[in-house]
Amino acid sequence: MKVKDVVAERFKKLCEERKITINELANISGVTPSTAYSMMSAKRRDVSVVTVKKFCDGLEITLGEFFSAPEFDNLEQEIR
């Protein structure tokens, strides 16, 4: 799994835990819903660190807390 996929899955899981939608996450994070849904799409090319930070701010967690999930420990290498 690629890092962009793990990031999207992590945010989906955090939203489920908090019983909020991706749209609600966008609103509380100051991100447009289209940006949020674009980031969650399998067709996206890259994930913006700034957007990740805004989502973390909206969820009231740090980047460290976000990336400390075990899913990030076994990512495949991005360099091909």
Protein backbone atom coordinates (compact mmCIF):
# COMPACT_ATOMS: atom_id res chain seq x y z
CA MET A 1 0.00 0.00 0.00
CA LYS A 2 1.26 3.49 -0.82
CA VAL A 3 1.59 6.29 1.71
CA LYS A 4 -1.23 8.32 0.08
CA ASP A 5 -3.57 5.34 0.49
CA VAL A 6 -2.60 4.83 4.13
CA VAL A 7 -3.12 8.55 4.85
CA ALA A 8 -6.62 8.41 3.34
CA GLU A 9 -7.49 5.23 5.24
CA ARG A 10 -6.20 6.70 8.51
CA PHE A 11 -8.41 9.78 8.12
CA LYS A 12 -11.41 7.61 7.23
CA LYS A 13 -10.83 5.52 10.36
CA LEU A 14 -10.45 8.61 12.56
CA CYS A 15 -13.69 10.02 11.14
CA GLU A 16 -15.50 6.75 11.82
CA GLU A 17 -14.21 6.73 15.42
CA ARG A 18 -15.49 10.27 15.92
CA LYS A 19 -18.72 9.59 14.03
CA ILE A 20 -18.14 12.41 11.54
CA THR A 21 -18.12 12.46 7.76
CA ILE A 22 -15.26 13.53 5.51
CA ASN A 23 -17.36 16.61 4.68
CA GLU A 24 -17.62 17.48 8.38
CA LEU A 25 -13.86 16.97 8.76
CA ALA A 26 -13.30 19.39 5.88
CA ASN A 27 -15.55 21.99 7.50
CA ILE A 28 -13.93 21.85 10.93
CA SER A 29 -10.47 21.87 9.32
CA GLY A 30 -11.01 24.88 7.08
CA VAL A 31 -10.56 22.79 3.94
CA THR A 32 -12.99 22.76 1.05
CA PRO A 33 -15.04 19.58 0.76
CA SER A 34 -13.75 19.12 -2.79
CA THR A 35 -10.17 19.10 -1.48
CA ALA A 36 -11.12 16.56 1.18
CA TYR A 37 -12.88 14.24 -1.25
CA SER A 38 -10.05 14.63 -3.76
CA MET A 39 -7.53 13.56 -1.14
CA MET A 40 -9.64 10.54 -0.25
CA SER A 41 -10.02 9.48 -3.88
CA ALA A 42 -7.99 6.53 -5.15
CA LYS A 43 -7.29 8.59 -8.29
CA ARG A 44 -5.41 11.34 -6.43
CA ARG A 45 -1.77 11.79 -7.29
CA ASP A 46 -0.30 13.29 -4.13
CA VAL A 47 -1.27 14.12 -0.59
CA SER A 48 -0.48 17.62 0.64
CA VAL A 49 1.27 17.81 4.00
CA VAL A 50 -0.48 21.14 4.61
CA THR A 51 -3.88 19.48 4.12
CA VAL A 52 -2.88 16.61 6.42
CA LYS A 53 -1.89 19.19 9.07
CA LYS A 54 -5.20 21.03 8.69
CA PHE A 55 -7.13 17.77 9.09
CA CYS A 56 -5.06 16.94 12.18
CA ASP A 57 -5.81 20.40 13.57
CA GLY A 58 -9.52 19.83 12.94
CA LEU A 59 -9.33 16.50 14.77
CA GLU A 60 -7.27 18.11 17.53
CA ILE A 61 -4.36 15.69 17.12
CA THR A 62 -0.72 16.33 16.29
CA LEU A 63 1.05 15.18 13.15
CA GLY A 64 3.05 12.89 15.41
CA GLU A 65 -0.12 11.27 16.73
CA PHE A 66 -1.45 10.89 13.20
CA PHE A 67 1.70 9.26 11.83
CA SER A 68 2.40 7.11 14.92
CA ALA A 69 -0.18 4.57 13.73
CA PRO A 70 1.28 1.13 12.95
CA GLU A 71 -0.04 1.33 9.37
CA PHE A 72 2.80 3.72 8.55
CA ASP A 73 5.55 1.38 9.79
CA ASN A 74 5.37 -1.18 6.99
CA LEU A 75 4.78 0.96 3.91
CA GLU A 76 6.28 -0.16 0.65
CA GLN A 77 9.10 1.93 -0.68
CA GLU A 78 8.01 4.91 -2.81
CA ILE A 79 11.26 4.97 -4.81
CA ARG A 80 11.07 2.78 -7.89
